[in-house]
N, C-alpha and C. Protein backbone atom coordinates (compact mmCIF):
# COMPACT_ATOMS: atom_id res chain seq x y z
N MET A 1 -6.74 -88.47 -330.93
CA MET A 1 -7.30 -87.18 -331.30
C MET A 1 -6.80 -86.82 -332.69
N THR A 2 -7.69 -86.51 -333.58
CA THR A 2 -7.35 -86.08 -334.93
C THR A 2 -7.52 -84.57 -335.00
N THR A 3 -6.51 -83.89 -335.53
CA THR A 3 -6.54 -82.44 -335.60
C THR A 3 -6.44 -82.03 -337.06
N SER A 4 -7.30 -81.10 -337.47
CA SER A 4 -7.29 -80.57 -338.83
C SER A 4 -6.59 -79.21 -338.81
N PHE A 5 -5.59 -79.04 -339.68
CA PHE A 5 -4.85 -77.79 -339.77
C PHE A 5 -5.18 -77.13 -341.10
N LYS A 6 -5.69 -75.89 -341.04
CA LYS A 6 -6.16 -75.21 -342.24
C LYS A 6 -5.69 -73.76 -342.27
N GLY A 7 -6.09 -73.09 -343.33
CA GLY A 7 -5.89 -71.65 -343.43
C GLY A 7 -4.50 -71.26 -343.91
N LYS A 8 -4.34 -69.94 -344.01
CA LYS A 8 -3.06 -69.37 -344.44
C LYS A 8 -2.01 -69.67 -343.38
N PRO A 9 -0.84 -70.16 -343.79
CA PRO A 9 0.21 -70.48 -342.81
C PRO A 9 0.72 -69.25 -342.08
N ILE A 10 1.13 -69.47 -340.86
CA ILE A 10 1.78 -68.44 -340.06
C ILE A 10 3.28 -68.73 -340.15
N ARG A 11 3.99 -67.82 -340.82
CA ARG A 11 5.42 -68.05 -341.04
C ARG A 11 6.30 -66.96 -340.44
N THR A 12 5.71 -65.80 -340.18
CA THR A 12 6.49 -64.68 -339.67
C THR A 12 5.83 -64.11 -338.42
N ASP A 13 6.58 -63.28 -337.71
CA ASP A 13 6.01 -62.59 -336.55
C ASP A 13 4.81 -61.74 -336.96
N ALA A 14 4.91 -61.11 -338.12
CA ALA A 14 3.80 -60.28 -338.62
C ALA A 14 2.57 -61.14 -338.91
N ASP A 15 2.77 -62.35 -339.44
CA ASP A 15 1.65 -63.27 -339.68
C ASP A 15 0.95 -63.62 -338.37
N LEU A 16 1.76 -63.90 -337.34
CA LEU A 16 1.18 -64.28 -336.05
C LEU A 16 0.44 -63.10 -335.43
N LEU A 17 1.02 -61.92 -335.47
CA LEU A 17 0.35 -60.74 -334.94
C LEU A 17 -0.99 -60.52 -335.65
N ALA A 18 -1.00 -60.64 -336.97
CA ALA A 18 -2.24 -60.47 -337.73
C ALA A 18 -3.27 -61.53 -337.34
N ARG A 19 -2.83 -62.76 -337.13
CA ARG A 19 -3.77 -63.82 -336.74
C ARG A 19 -4.36 -63.52 -335.36
N TRP A 20 -3.51 -63.12 -334.42
CA TRP A 20 -4.03 -62.78 -333.09
C TRP A 20 -5.01 -61.61 -333.18
N GLN A 21 -4.70 -60.60 -333.99
CA GLN A 21 -5.62 -59.47 -334.15
C GLN A 21 -6.96 -59.94 -334.70
N GLU A 22 -6.91 -60.82 -335.67
CA GLU A 22 -8.13 -61.38 -336.27
C GLU A 22 -8.93 -62.16 -335.23
N LEU A 23 -8.26 -62.99 -334.46
CA LEU A 23 -8.95 -63.83 -333.48
C LEU A 23 -9.49 -63.03 -332.30
N MET A 24 -8.78 -62.00 -331.87
CA MET A 24 -9.19 -61.23 -330.69
C MET A 24 -10.26 -60.20 -331.02
N GLY A 25 -10.29 -59.72 -332.25
CA GLY A 25 -11.29 -58.75 -332.66
C GLY A 25 -11.15 -57.44 -331.92
N GLU A 26 -12.25 -56.69 -331.87
CA GLU A 26 -12.26 -55.38 -331.21
C GLU A 26 -13.25 -55.41 -330.06
N GLY A 27 -13.12 -54.46 -329.18
CA GLY A 27 -14.11 -54.33 -328.11
C GLY A 27 -13.60 -54.65 -326.73
N GLY A 28 -12.42 -55.22 -326.62
CA GLY A 28 -11.85 -55.46 -325.31
C GLY A 28 -12.30 -56.75 -324.66
N PHE A 29 -11.94 -56.89 -323.40
CA PHE A 29 -12.14 -58.14 -322.68
C PHE A 29 -12.72 -57.85 -321.31
N GLY A 30 -13.56 -58.74 -320.83
CA GLY A 30 -14.17 -58.59 -319.52
C GLY A 30 -13.39 -59.28 -318.42
N ARG A 31 -12.45 -60.13 -318.79
CA ARG A 31 -11.66 -60.86 -317.79
C ARG A 31 -10.30 -61.23 -318.38
N ARG A 32 -9.43 -61.66 -317.49
CA ARG A 32 -8.09 -62.08 -317.91
C ARG A 32 -8.16 -63.52 -318.41
N SER A 33 -7.53 -63.76 -319.55
CA SER A 33 -7.49 -65.11 -320.13
C SER A 33 -6.14 -65.34 -320.79
N LEU A 34 -5.80 -66.60 -320.92
CA LEU A 34 -4.63 -67.01 -321.68
C LEU A 34 -5.16 -67.80 -322.87
N TRP A 35 -4.72 -67.47 -324.07
CA TRP A 35 -5.19 -68.10 -325.30
C TRP A 35 -4.07 -68.91 -325.91
N LEU A 36 -4.42 -70.09 -326.41
CA LEU A 36 -3.47 -70.97 -327.09
C LEU A 36 -4.02 -71.29 -328.47
N ILE A 37 -3.15 -71.20 -329.48
CA ILE A 37 -3.50 -71.73 -330.79
C ILE A 37 -2.45 -72.79 -331.13
N PHE A 38 -2.81 -73.67 -332.02
CA PHE A 38 -1.98 -74.83 -332.32
C PHE A 38 -1.61 -74.82 -333.80
N LEU A 39 -0.30 -74.89 -334.08
CA LEU A 39 0.19 -74.85 -335.45
C LEU A 39 0.92 -76.14 -335.79
N ASN A 40 0.77 -76.59 -337.04
CA ASN A 40 1.55 -77.75 -337.48
C ASN A 40 2.91 -77.27 -337.99
N ALA A 41 3.72 -78.19 -338.49
CA ALA A 41 5.07 -77.85 -338.93
C ALA A 41 5.09 -76.88 -340.11
N ARG A 42 4.00 -76.80 -340.85
CA ARG A 42 3.92 -75.86 -341.99
C ARG A 42 3.33 -74.51 -341.58
N GLY A 43 3.02 -74.35 -340.30
CA GLY A 43 2.47 -73.09 -339.81
C GLY A 43 0.97 -72.96 -339.95
N ARG A 44 0.31 -74.02 -340.32
CA ARG A 44 -1.16 -73.98 -340.44
C ARG A 44 -1.78 -74.18 -339.07
N GLN A 45 -2.85 -73.41 -338.82
CA GLN A 45 -3.50 -73.42 -337.52
C GLN A 45 -4.57 -74.50 -337.45
N ALA A 46 -4.63 -75.18 -336.30
CA ALA A 46 -5.72 -76.13 -336.05
C ALA A 46 -7.01 -75.36 -335.84
N ASP A 47 -8.13 -76.05 -336.04
CA ASP A 47 -9.44 -75.43 -335.84
C ASP A 47 -9.66 -74.98 -334.39
N LEU A 48 -8.98 -75.60 -333.46
CA LEU A 48 -9.16 -75.34 -332.04
C LEU A 48 -8.41 -74.08 -331.60
N VAL A 49 -9.12 -73.17 -330.93
CA VAL A 49 -8.53 -72.04 -330.22
C VAL A 49 -8.91 -72.23 -328.77
N MET A 50 -7.92 -72.32 -327.89
CA MET A 50 -8.19 -72.70 -326.51
C MET A 50 -7.97 -71.53 -325.54
N PRO A 51 -9.05 -71.03 -324.92
CA PRO A 51 -8.88 -70.03 -323.87
C PRO A 51 -8.77 -70.70 -322.50
N VAL A 52 -7.92 -70.13 -321.66
CA VAL A 52 -7.86 -70.50 -320.26
C VAL A 52 -8.35 -69.26 -319.53
N ASP A 53 -9.57 -69.33 -319.00
CA ASP A 53 -10.20 -68.15 -318.41
C ASP A 53 -9.88 -67.99 -316.93
N GLU A 54 -10.22 -66.80 -316.44
CA GLU A 54 -10.03 -66.47 -315.02
C GLU A 54 -8.58 -66.59 -314.59
N VAL A 55 -7.68 -66.11 -315.41
CA VAL A 55 -6.26 -66.11 -315.10
C VAL A 55 -6.04 -65.12 -313.94
N PRO A 56 -5.41 -65.58 -312.86
CA PRO A 56 -5.21 -64.67 -311.72
C PRO A 56 -4.18 -63.57 -312.03
N ILE A 57 -4.13 -62.58 -311.16
CA ILE A 57 -3.19 -61.46 -311.33
C ILE A 57 -1.75 -61.97 -311.31
N ARG A 58 -1.43 -62.83 -310.38
CA ARG A 58 -0.08 -63.40 -310.28
C ARG A 58 -0.11 -64.84 -310.78
N PRO A 59 0.87 -65.21 -311.58
CA PRO A 59 0.91 -66.59 -312.07
C PRO A 59 1.21 -67.56 -310.94
N ASP A 60 0.49 -68.67 -310.92
CA ASP A 60 0.75 -69.74 -309.98
C ASP A 60 1.76 -70.69 -310.63
N PRO A 61 2.90 -70.94 -309.98
CA PRO A 61 3.92 -71.79 -310.61
C PRO A 61 3.41 -73.17 -311.02
N GLN A 62 2.53 -73.76 -310.24
CA GLN A 62 2.00 -75.08 -310.60
C GLN A 62 1.08 -75.00 -311.82
N GLU A 63 0.28 -73.95 -311.89
CA GLU A 63 -0.60 -73.77 -313.05
C GLU A 63 0.21 -73.54 -314.32
N VAL A 64 1.24 -72.71 -314.21
CA VAL A 64 2.09 -72.42 -315.37
C VAL A 64 2.82 -73.68 -315.81
N ALA A 65 3.33 -74.45 -314.86
CA ALA A 65 4.00 -75.72 -315.20
C ALA A 65 3.03 -76.68 -315.87
N GLY A 66 1.77 -76.69 -315.41
CA GLY A 66 0.75 -77.54 -316.04
C GLY A 66 0.47 -77.13 -317.47
N ILE A 67 0.46 -75.84 -317.73
CA ILE A 67 0.26 -75.35 -319.10
C ILE A 67 1.42 -75.81 -319.99
N ALA A 68 2.65 -75.69 -319.47
CA ALA A 68 3.82 -76.13 -320.24
C ALA A 68 3.77 -77.64 -320.50
N ARG A 69 3.34 -78.41 -319.50
CA ARG A 69 3.22 -79.87 -319.70
C ARG A 69 2.17 -80.18 -320.77
N PHE A 70 1.05 -79.48 -320.73
CA PHE A 70 -0.01 -79.68 -321.72
C PHE A 70 0.52 -79.37 -323.12
N ILE A 71 1.24 -78.28 -323.26
CA ILE A 71 1.80 -77.91 -324.56
C ILE A 71 2.79 -78.98 -325.03
N GLY A 72 3.62 -79.47 -324.13
CA GLY A 72 4.55 -80.54 -324.47
C GLY A 72 3.83 -81.78 -324.94
N MET A 73 2.73 -82.13 -324.27
CA MET A 73 1.94 -83.31 -324.65
C MET A 73 1.33 -83.10 -326.04
N MET A 74 0.81 -81.91 -326.31
CA MET A 74 0.23 -81.63 -327.62
C MET A 74 1.29 -81.77 -328.71
N ARG A 75 2.48 -81.34 -328.43
CA ARG A 75 3.56 -81.43 -329.42
C ARG A 75 3.99 -82.89 -329.61
N ASP A 76 4.03 -83.64 -328.54
CA ASP A 76 4.50 -85.03 -328.62
C ASP A 76 3.46 -85.99 -329.19
N GLU A 77 2.19 -85.77 -328.88
CA GLU A 77 1.16 -86.78 -329.16
C GLU A 77 0.16 -86.43 -330.24
N VAL A 78 0.06 -85.18 -330.65
CA VAL A 78 -1.02 -84.80 -331.56
C VAL A 78 -0.52 -84.20 -332.86
N GLY A 79 0.76 -84.06 -333.03
CA GLY A 79 1.26 -83.49 -334.27
C GLY A 79 1.29 -81.99 -334.29
N VAL A 80 1.22 -81.37 -333.13
CA VAL A 80 1.32 -79.92 -333.03
C VAL A 80 2.80 -79.56 -332.99
N ALA A 81 3.21 -78.62 -333.82
CA ALA A 81 4.61 -78.21 -333.85
C ALA A 81 4.87 -77.03 -332.91
N GLU A 82 3.93 -76.10 -332.88
CA GLU A 82 4.08 -74.89 -332.06
C GLU A 82 2.75 -74.50 -331.43
N VAL A 83 2.84 -73.86 -330.27
CA VAL A 83 1.65 -73.39 -329.56
C VAL A 83 1.89 -71.93 -329.14
N PRO A 84 1.58 -70.97 -330.01
CA PRO A 84 1.70 -69.57 -329.63
C PRO A 84 0.71 -69.23 -328.51
N LEU A 85 1.11 -68.28 -327.64
CA LEU A 85 0.31 -67.89 -326.48
C LEU A 85 0.02 -66.40 -326.52
N LEU A 86 -1.16 -66.05 -326.00
CA LEU A 86 -1.55 -64.66 -325.88
C LEU A 86 -2.28 -64.49 -324.56
N LEU A 87 -1.91 -63.46 -323.81
CA LEU A 87 -2.60 -63.09 -322.58
C LEU A 87 -3.54 -61.95 -322.93
N SER A 88 -4.81 -62.04 -322.52
CA SER A 88 -5.75 -60.94 -322.75
C SER A 88 -6.27 -60.47 -321.40
N ARG A 89 -6.62 -59.18 -321.35
CA ARG A 89 -7.17 -58.62 -320.11
C ARG A 89 -7.89 -57.33 -320.41
N PRO A 90 -8.78 -56.94 -319.51
CA PRO A 90 -9.41 -55.63 -319.67
C PRO A 90 -8.39 -54.53 -319.38
N GLY A 91 -8.70 -53.33 -319.81
CA GLY A 91 -7.85 -52.19 -319.48
C GLY A 91 -7.01 -51.72 -320.64
N PRO A 92 -6.22 -50.67 -320.37
CA PRO A 92 -5.41 -50.06 -321.42
C PRO A 92 -4.24 -50.94 -321.83
N SER A 93 -3.59 -50.53 -322.92
CA SER A 93 -2.56 -51.36 -323.54
C SER A 93 -1.20 -51.32 -322.85
N LYS A 94 -0.99 -50.41 -321.93
CA LYS A 94 0.30 -50.34 -321.24
C LYS A 94 0.56 -51.66 -320.51
N ILE A 95 1.74 -52.24 -320.74
CA ILE A 95 2.10 -53.51 -320.11
C ILE A 95 2.28 -53.28 -318.61
N THR A 96 1.59 -54.09 -317.81
CA THR A 96 1.63 -53.97 -316.36
C THR A 96 2.64 -54.96 -315.77
N GLU A 97 2.94 -54.79 -314.50
CA GLU A 97 3.81 -55.74 -313.80
C GLU A 97 3.20 -57.14 -313.82
N SER A 98 1.90 -57.23 -313.68
CA SER A 98 1.22 -58.52 -313.73
C SER A 98 1.39 -59.17 -315.10
N ASP A 99 1.23 -58.39 -316.15
CA ASP A 99 1.44 -58.90 -317.51
C ASP A 99 2.85 -59.46 -317.65
N ARG A 100 3.80 -58.68 -317.17
CA ARG A 100 5.20 -59.12 -317.24
C ARG A 100 5.43 -60.40 -316.45
N ARG A 101 4.87 -60.47 -315.27
CA ARG A 101 5.04 -61.68 -314.45
C ARG A 101 4.55 -62.91 -315.22
N TRP A 102 3.39 -62.76 -315.87
CA TRP A 102 2.85 -63.89 -316.64
C TRP A 102 3.76 -64.24 -317.81
N ALA A 103 4.20 -63.22 -318.55
CA ALA A 103 5.05 -63.48 -319.71
C ALA A 103 6.37 -64.13 -319.29
N ILE A 104 6.95 -63.66 -318.21
CA ILE A 104 8.21 -64.24 -317.72
C ILE A 104 7.98 -65.66 -317.25
N ALA A 105 6.91 -65.89 -316.48
CA ALA A 105 6.63 -67.24 -315.97
C ALA A 105 6.39 -68.22 -317.11
N LEU A 106 5.63 -67.81 -318.11
CA LEU A 106 5.37 -68.70 -319.25
C LEU A 106 6.64 -68.96 -320.06
N THR A 107 7.42 -67.91 -320.28
CA THR A 107 8.68 -68.06 -321.01
C THR A 107 9.61 -69.03 -320.29
N ASP A 108 9.73 -68.85 -318.98
CA ASP A 108 10.60 -69.74 -318.19
C ASP A 108 10.10 -71.18 -318.20
N ALA A 109 8.79 -71.36 -318.04
CA ALA A 109 8.22 -72.71 -317.98
C ALA A 109 8.36 -73.45 -319.31
N MET A 110 8.36 -72.71 -320.40
CA MET A 110 8.40 -73.34 -321.72
C MET A 110 9.80 -73.37 -322.33
N ARG A 111 10.79 -72.93 -321.58
CA ARG A 111 12.16 -72.85 -322.11
C ARG A 111 12.62 -74.17 -322.73
N ASP A 112 12.34 -75.30 -322.08
CA ASP A 112 12.78 -76.60 -322.60
C ASP A 112 12.07 -76.98 -323.89
N LEU A 113 10.91 -76.40 -324.15
CA LEU A 113 10.16 -76.68 -325.38
C LEU A 113 10.67 -75.84 -326.56
N ARG A 114 11.52 -74.89 -326.26
CA ARG A 114 12.10 -74.01 -327.27
C ARG A 114 11.04 -73.41 -328.21
N PRO A 115 10.12 -72.66 -327.66
CA PRO A 115 9.08 -72.08 -328.52
C PRO A 115 9.67 -71.10 -329.53
N ARG A 116 9.08 -71.10 -330.68
CA ARG A 116 9.53 -70.20 -331.75
C ARG A 116 8.94 -68.80 -331.61
N TRP A 117 7.72 -68.71 -331.08
CA TRP A 117 6.96 -67.48 -331.12
C TRP A 117 6.99 -66.74 -329.79
N PRO A 118 7.02 -65.40 -329.85
CA PRO A 118 6.93 -64.62 -328.62
C PRO A 118 5.49 -64.63 -328.09
N ILE A 119 5.36 -64.34 -326.82
CA ILE A 119 4.04 -64.24 -326.20
C ILE A 119 3.47 -62.86 -326.54
N HIS A 120 2.15 -62.81 -326.74
CA HIS A 120 1.47 -61.57 -327.08
C HIS A 120 0.51 -61.16 -325.96
N LEU A 121 0.13 -59.89 -325.97
CA LEU A 121 -0.83 -59.32 -325.03
C LEU A 121 -1.93 -58.63 -325.81
N ALA A 122 -3.18 -58.91 -325.47
CA ALA A 122 -4.32 -58.24 -326.09
C ALA A 122 -5.08 -57.46 -325.01
N THR A 123 -5.36 -56.20 -325.32
CA THR A 123 -6.14 -55.34 -324.44
C THR A 123 -7.21 -54.67 -325.28
N LYS A 124 -7.96 -53.75 -324.68
CA LYS A 124 -9.04 -53.11 -325.44
C LYS A 124 -8.52 -52.29 -326.61
N ASP A 125 -7.28 -51.83 -326.52
CA ASP A 125 -6.73 -50.95 -327.54
C ASP A 125 -5.98 -51.65 -328.66
N ARG A 126 -5.35 -52.79 -328.32
CA ARG A 126 -4.50 -53.40 -329.35
C ARG A 126 -3.99 -54.77 -328.92
N VAL A 127 -3.34 -55.42 -329.90
CA VAL A 127 -2.60 -56.66 -329.66
C VAL A 127 -1.14 -56.30 -329.87
N GLN A 128 -0.30 -56.71 -328.92
CA GLN A 128 1.12 -56.39 -329.01
C GLN A 128 1.96 -57.57 -328.53
N VAL A 129 3.20 -57.56 -328.91
CA VAL A 129 4.12 -58.61 -328.52
C VAL A 129 4.87 -58.18 -327.25
N PHE A 130 5.19 -59.16 -326.42
CA PHE A 130 6.11 -58.90 -325.31
C PHE A 130 7.51 -58.95 -325.91
N ALA A 131 8.16 -57.80 -325.99
CA ALA A 131 9.52 -57.71 -326.51
C ALA A 131 10.49 -58.21 -325.44
N PRO A 132 11.70 -58.61 -325.84
CA PRO A 132 12.69 -59.07 -324.85
C PRO A 132 12.89 -58.08 -323.70
N ASP A 133 12.87 -56.78 -323.98
CA ASP A 133 13.02 -55.78 -322.92
C ASP A 133 11.88 -55.81 -321.92
N ASP A 134 10.72 -56.30 -322.34
CA ASP A 134 9.57 -56.39 -321.44
C ASP A 134 9.72 -57.54 -320.45
N LEU A 135 10.66 -58.43 -320.73
CA LEU A 135 10.80 -59.63 -319.92
C LEU A 135 12.01 -59.60 -318.98
N VAL A 136 12.49 -58.39 -318.70
CA VAL A 136 13.59 -58.25 -317.76
C VAL A 136 13.09 -58.54 -316.35
N ALA A 137 14.00 -58.89 -315.47
CA ALA A 137 13.63 -59.25 -314.10
C ALA A 137 12.83 -58.13 -313.44
N LEU A 138 11.89 -58.54 -312.63
CA LEU A 138 11.03 -57.61 -311.91
C LEU A 138 11.55 -57.40 -310.50
N ASP A 139 11.13 -56.32 -309.92
CA ASP A 139 11.41 -56.06 -308.52
C ASP A 139 10.65 -57.07 -307.68
N PRO A 140 11.34 -57.92 -306.89
CA PRO A 140 10.64 -58.96 -306.14
C PRO A 140 9.61 -58.42 -305.16
N GLY A 141 9.74 -57.18 -304.73
CA GLY A 141 8.78 -56.62 -303.79
C GLY A 141 7.54 -56.05 -304.47
N ALA A 142 7.58 -55.95 -305.79
CA ALA A 142 6.46 -55.33 -306.51
C ALA A 142 5.26 -56.24 -306.58
């Protein structure tokens, strides 16, 4: 697989937030999706933007592990240095327990890959980052 990396490099958190805002546009979302973009070592983005649609409310551990394996394979075999992630969903911008569950599950699954970038959330109102405080342990009964 040959991958072309173009455009303005993403070097800072602000650069990544701006790129996600550009890619997500305005108008909101009709369903839950997980988005992946692929960056080379210089921060240039590949032409490919990959959505994973119909993301369930609760993360499935096997599905999340499969996403982490796919990202590891892209890094090992295709020259991808980083794979920033964004969860999108319909509704207001307030981070929900479901959003947190996904961010925590993805963060945990990708820990061995040592991702550089935080996970983002896109809703009808805005694109935002999951801050470390958003990733604190959840109530298991929730």
